[in-house]
C-alpha atoms as a PDB file:
ATOM      1  CA  MET A   1     -25.035 -30.230  31.749  1.00  0.00           C
ATOM      2  CA  THR A   2     -27.258 -30.225  28.505  1.00  0.00           C
ATOM      3  CA  ASP A   3     -27.418 -26.044  29.415  1.00  0.00           C
ATOM      4  CA  THR A   4     -23.512 -25.747  29.457  1.00  0.00           C
ATOM      5  CA  THR A   5     -23.109 -27.614  25.823  1.00  0.00           C
ATOM      6  CA  ARG A   6     -25.966 -25.658  24.318  1.00  0.00           C
ATOM      7  CA  ARG A   7     -24.164 -22.475  25.717  1.00  0.00           C
ATOM      8  CA  MET A   8     -20.673 -23.364  24.000  1.00  0.00           C
ATOM      9  CA  MET A   9     -22.533 -24.281  21.020  1.00  0.00           C
ATOM     10  CA  MET A  10     -23.854 -20.811  20.534  1.00  0.00           C
ATOM     11  CA  LEU A  11     -20.740 -19.448  21.342  1.00  0.00           C
ATOM     12  CA  GLY A  12     -18.692 -21.078  18.824  1.00  0.00           C
ATOM     13  CA  ALA A  13     -21.266 -20.549  16.258  1.00  0.00           C
ATOM     14  CA  GLY A  14     -20.996 -16.896  17.292  1.00  0.00           C
ATOM     15  CA  GLY A  15     -17.333 -17.016  16.946  1.00  0.00           C
ATOM     16  CA  ALA A  16     -17.509 -18.774  13.654  1.00  0.00           C
ATOM     17  CA  GLY A  17     -19.524 -16.672  12.073  1.00  0.00           C
ATOM     18  CA  LEU A  18     -17.253 -13.328  13.579  1.00  0.00           C
ATOM     19  CA  THR A  19     -14.662 -15.258  11.805  1.00  0.00           C
ATOM     20  CA  ALA A  20     -16.155 -15.455   8.753  1.00  0.00           C
ATOM     21  CA  PHE A  21     -17.550 -11.871   8.444  1.00  0.00           C
ATOM     22  CA  LEU A  22     -14.060 -10.296   9.275  1.00  0.00           C
ATOM     23  CA  THR A  23     -12.473 -12.687   6.491  1.00  0.00           C
ATOM     24  CA  ALA A  24     -15.022 -11.774   4.033  1.00  0.00           C
ATOM     25  CA  CYS A  25     -14.267  -8.116   4.739  1.00  0.00           C
ATOM     26  CA  ALA A  26     -10.366  -8.265   4.134  1.00  0.00           C
ATOM     27  CA  SER A  27      -9.117  -6.548   0.817  1.00  0.00           C
ATOM     28  CA  TYR A  28      -8.504  -8.605  -2.225  1.00  0.00           C
ATOM     29  CA  GLY A  29      -6.176  -7.887  -5.347  1.00  0.00           C
ATOM     30  CA  THR A  30      -2.703  -6.810  -5.149  1.00  0.00           C
ATOM     31  CA  PRO A  31      -2.030  -5.790  -1.604  1.00  0.00           C
ATOM     32  CA  THR A  32      -0.349  -2.536  -0.681  1.00  0.00           C
ATOM     33  CA  THR A  33       2.393  -1.707   1.567  1.00  0.00           C
ATOM     34  CA  ASP A  34       2.079  -1.200   5.276  1.00  0.00           C
ATOM     35  CA  ALA A  35       2.404   3.032   5.269  1.00  0.00           C
ATOM     36  CA  ASN A  36       4.029   1.931   8.719  1.00  0.00           C
ATOM     37  CA  ALA A  37       6.232  -0.540   7.794  1.00  0.00           C
ATOM     38  CA  ALA A  38      10.064   0.702   6.787  1.00  0.00           C
ATOM     39  CA  PRO A  39      10.994  -0.274   3.279  1.00  0.00           C
ATOM     40  CA  ALA A  40      12.700  -3.083   2.561  1.00  0.00           C
ATOM     41  CA  ASP A  41      15.952  -1.533   1.329  1.00  0.00           C
ATOM     42  CA  GLU A  42      16.322   0.756   4.250  1.00  0.00           C
ATOM     43  CA  PRO A  43      18.076  -0.731   7.052  1.00  0.00           C
ATOM     44  CA  ALA A  44      16.604  -1.183  10.762  1.00  0.00           C
ATOM     45  CA  ASP A  45      18.238   1.413  13.136  1.00  0.00           C
ATOM     46  CA  GLU A  46      20.914  -0.946  14.915  1.00  0.00           C
ATOM     47  CA  GLU A  47      23.944  -0.553  16.473  1.00  0.00           C
ATOM     48  CA  THR A  48      26.753  -1.847  14.203  1.00  0.00           C
ATOM     49  CA  SER A  49      30.844  -2.074  14.469  1.00  0.00           C
ATOM     50  CA  ALA A  50      30.722  -2.411  10.782  1.00  0.00           C
ATOM     51  CA  ALA A  51      32.104   1.070   8.533  1.00  0.00           C
ATOM     52  CA  PRO A  52      28.867   3.014   7.363  1.00  0.00           C
ATOM     53  CA  LYS A  53      28.398   2.456   3.772  1.00  0.00           C
ATOM     54  CA  LYS A  54      28.714   4.939   1.225  1.00  0.00           C
ATOM     55  CA  LYS A  55      25.445   6.660  -0.159  1.00  0.00           C
ATOM     56  CA  SER A  56      24.739   6.393  -3.687  1.00  0.00           C
ATOM     57  CA  SER A  57      24.687   9.076  -6.334  1.00  0.00           C
ATOM     58  CA  ALA A  58      22.633  11.873  -5.512  1.00  0.00           C
ATOM     59  CA  LYS A  59      20.936  10.848  -8.803  1.00  0.00           C
ATOM     60  CA  GLY A  60      20.102   7.304  -8.013  1.00  0.00           C
ATOM     61  CA  LYS A  61      19.356   4.673 -10.421  1.00  0.00           C
ATOM     62  CA  ALA A  62      17.009   5.457 -13.559  1.00  0.00           C
ATOM     63  CA  LEU A  63      13.828   3.935 -13.824  1.00  0.00           C
ATOM     64  CA  ALA A  64      14.380   3.829 -17.788  1.00  0.00           C
ATOM     65  CA  ASP A  65      15.235   5.667 -20.788  1.00  0.00           C
ATOM     66  CA  ALA A  66      13.371   8.358 -22.256  1.00  0.00           C
ATOM     67  CA  SER A  67      13.260   6.445 -25.371  1.00  0.00           C
ATOM     68  CA  ASP A  68      11.521   3.836 -23.689  1.00  0.00           C
ATOM     69  CA  ILE A  69       8.181   5.745 -23.005  1.00  0.00           C
ATOM     70  CA  GLU A  70       6.245   6.224 -26.193  1.00  0.00           C
ATOM     71  CA  VAL A  71       4.340   9.018 -26.840  1.00  0.00           C
ATOM     72  CA  GLY A  72       0.843   8.676 -26.002  1.00  0.00           C
ATOM     73  CA  GLY A  73       1.454   5.906 -23.824  1.00  0.00           C
ATOM     74  CA  GLY A  74       3.732   4.658 -20.981  1.00  0.00           C
ATOM     75  CA  LYS A  75       5.211   2.120 -18.891  1.00  0.00           C
ATOM     76  CA  VAL A  76       4.470   0.562 -15.354  1.00  0.00           C
ATOM     77  CA  PHE A  77       7.345   0.015 -12.770  1.00  0.00           C
ATOM     78  CA  ALA A  78       5.551  -2.326 -10.390  1.00  0.00           C
ATOM     79  CA  ALA A  79       8.397  -2.509  -8.277  1.00  0.00           C
ATOM     80  CA  GLN A  80       8.717   0.904  -7.671  1.00  0.00           C
ATOM     81  CA  LYS A  81       4.919   1.257  -7.545  1.00  0.00           C
ATOM     82  CA  VAL A  82       5.330   3.953 -10.338  1.00  0.00           C
ATOM     83  CA  VAL A  83       3.853   4.355 -13.665  1.00  0.00           C
ATOM     84  CA  VAL A  84       5.244   6.679 -16.068  1.00  0.00           C
ATOM     85  CA  THR A  85       3.548   8.555 -19.532  1.00  0.00           C
ATOM     86  CA  GLN A  86       4.439  10.824 -22.167  1.00  0.00           C
ATOM     87  CA  PRO A  87       1.408  12.253 -23.117  1.00  0.00           C
ATOM     88  CA  THR A  88       3.184  14.133 -25.921  1.00  0.00           C
ATOM     89  CA  GLU A  89       6.564  14.204 -27.208  1.00  0.00           C
ATOM     90  CA  GLY A  90       9.060  15.256 -24.423  1.00  0.00           C
ATOM     91  CA  ASP A  91       6.476  15.668 -21.462  1.00  0.00           C
ATOM     92  CA  PHE A  92       7.287  13.359 -19.151  1.00  0.00           C
ATOM     93  CA  LYS A  93       4.617  12.569 -16.386  1.00  0.00           C
ATOM     94  CA  ALA A  94       4.652   9.949 -13.278  1.00  0.00           C
ATOM     95  CA  PHE A  95       2.208   8.659 -11.017  1.00  0.00           C
ATOM     96  CA  THR A  96       1.301   6.227  -8.071  1.00  0.00           C
ATOM     97  CA  ALA A  97       0.912   2.815  -9.700  1.00  0.00           C
ATOM     98  CA  VAL A  98      -1.685   1.989  -6.781  1.00  0.00           C
ATOM     99  CA  CYS A  99      -5.309   2.150  -7.812  1.00  0.00           C
ATOM    100  CA  THR A 100      -7.356   4.233  -5.610  1.00  0.00           C
ATOM    101  CA  HIS A 101     -10.098   1.654  -5.614  1.00  0.00           C
ATOM    102  CA  ALA A 102      -8.588  -1.095  -4.129  1.00  0.00           C
ATOM    103  CA  GLY A 103      -4.687  -0.807  -3.758  1.00  0.00           C
ATOM    104  CA  CYS A 104      -4.589  -2.916  -6.672  1.00  0.00           C
ATOM    105  CA  THR A 105      -1.251  -2.332  -8.720  1.00  0.00           C
ATOM    106  CA  VAL A 106      -2.387  -0.688 -12.483  1.00  0.00           C
ATOM    107  CA  ALA A 107      -1.046  -3.302 -15.155  1.00  0.00           C
ATOM    108  CA  THR A 108      -0.685  -1.692 -18.582  1.00  0.00           C
ATOM    109  CA  VAL A 109      -0.841   1.728 -20.500  1.00  0.00           C
ATOM    110  CA  GLN A 110      -3.118   1.620 -23.641  1.00  0.00           C
ATOM    111  CA  ASN A 111      -5.242   3.856 -25.478  1.00  0.00           C
ATOM    112  CA  LYS A 112      -3.938   6.961 -23.582  1.00  0.00           C
ATOM    113  CA  THR A 113      -5.477   5.415 -20.688  1.00  0.00           C
ATOM    114  CA  ILE A 114      -3.533   3.568 -17.470  1.00  0.00           C
ATOM    115  CA  ASN A 115      -5.236   0.357 -16.798  1.00  0.00           C
ATOM    116  CA  CYS A 116      -6.007  -1.499 -13.524  1.00  0.00           C
ATOM    117  CA  PRO A 117      -6.494  -5.036 -13.699  1.00  0.00           C
ATOM    118  CA  CYS A 118      -8.831  -5.731 -10.739  1.00  0.00           C
ATOM    119  CA  HIS A 119     -12.259  -3.905 -11.117  1.00  0.00           C
ATOM    120  CA  GLY A 120     -11.532  -2.196 -14.874  1.00  0.00           C
ATOM    121  CA  SER A 121     -10.635   1.842 -13.434  1.00  0.00           C
ATOM    122  CA  LYS A 122      -8.649   3.789 -16.160  1.00  0.00           C
ATOM    123  CA  PHE A 123      -6.755   6.720 -15.199  1.00  0.00           C
ATOM    124  CA  SER A 124      -5.686   9.777 -18.084  1.00  0.00           C
ATOM    125  CA  ILE A 125      -2.048   9.374 -19.390  1.00  0.00           C
ATOM    126  CA  GLU A 126      -1.935  13.232 -19.332  1.00  0.00           C
ATOM    127  CA  ASP A 127      -2.948  14.032 -15.606  1.00  0.00           C
ATOM    128  CA  GLY A 128      -3.596  10.303 -13.530  1.00  0.00           C
ATOM    129  CA  SER A 129      -7.690  11.774 -13.231  1.00  0.00           C
ATOM    130  CA  VAL A 130     -10.249   8.687 -13.677  1.00  0.00           C
ATOM    131  CA  ALA A 131     -11.346   8.452 -17.209  1.00  0.00           C
ATOM    132  CA  ASP A 132     -13.460   4.814 -15.834  1.00  0.00           C
ATOM    133  CA  GLY A 133     -14.366   4.139 -12.438  1.00  0.00           C
ATOM    134  CA  PRO A 134     -14.638   2.458  -9.854  1.00  0.00           C
ATOM    135  CA  ALA A 135     -11.760   4.380  -9.053  1.00  0.00           C
ATOM    136  CA  PRO A 136     -13.163   7.192  -6.604  1.00  0.00           C
ATOM    137  CA  GLU A 137      -9.938   9.458  -6.743  1.00  0.00           C
ATOM    138  CA  PRO A 138      -6.983  10.280  -9.537  1.00  0.00           C
ATOM    139  CA  LEU A 139      -3.644   8.672  -9.336  1.00  0.00           C
ATOM    140  CA  LYS A 140      -1.171  10.820  -7.287  1.00  0.00           C
ATOM    141  CA  GLU A 141       1.630  12.443  -9.383  1.00  0.00           C
ATOM    142  CA  LYS A 142       5.256  11.337  -8.781  1.00  0.00           C
ATOM    143  CA  LYS A 143       8.121  13.805  -9.141  1.00  0.00           C
ATOM    144  CA  ILE A 144      10.571  12.787 -12.037  1.00  0.00           C
ATOM    145  CA  THR A 145      13.451  14.215 -13.476  1.00  0.00           C
ATOM    146  CA  VAL A 146      14.613  13.525 -17.414  1.00  0.00           C
ATOM    147  CA  ASP A 147      18.388  14.223 -17.545  1.00  0.00           C
ATOM    148  CA  GLY A 148      20.621  12.659 -20.230  1.00  0.00           C
ATOM    149  CA  GLY A 149      17.495  10.801 -21.648  1.00  0.00           C
ATOM    150  CA  LYS A 150      17.595   9.070 -18.297  1.00  0.00           C
ATOM    151  CA  ILE A 151      13.900   9.195 -16.161  1.00  0.00           C
ATOM    152  CA  ARG A 152      14.459   9.083 -12.523  1.00  0.00           C
ATOM    153  CA  LEU A 153      12.514   9.343  -9.504  1.00  0.00           C
ATOM    154  CA  ALA A 154      13.134  12.921  -7.775  1.00  0.00           C
END
């Protein structure tokens, strides 16, 4: 009976150690969305007897007015996971707001860099390139349109 108890204790301790190890490997910071999950604003494929909804206008909702983005700066749109910058007068750029290091959402745009609060990565407002690590890759560029003083995702 003592042998069985010892085996059970060893198995339990090993299981607890494995659980601790897997927990330690979990990501930290702002969680990113699952690439395979459908966006929350898209309805699931369901049969319904209701009339189909009208599609929104082709232009979509504006992120901001062009005048809201200062020259040499930018603005983070956390809900859309996008950061918009204006490196020079009238030249607007957009990048993903998800840091390439640990998946945190960047928080600020200051001193001509896009800044991640989790580990201090900084990215250029001109092209999204890494200005200061530990991020290993640049922010991916997003397509935007500027029309009638409004900035929209393309």
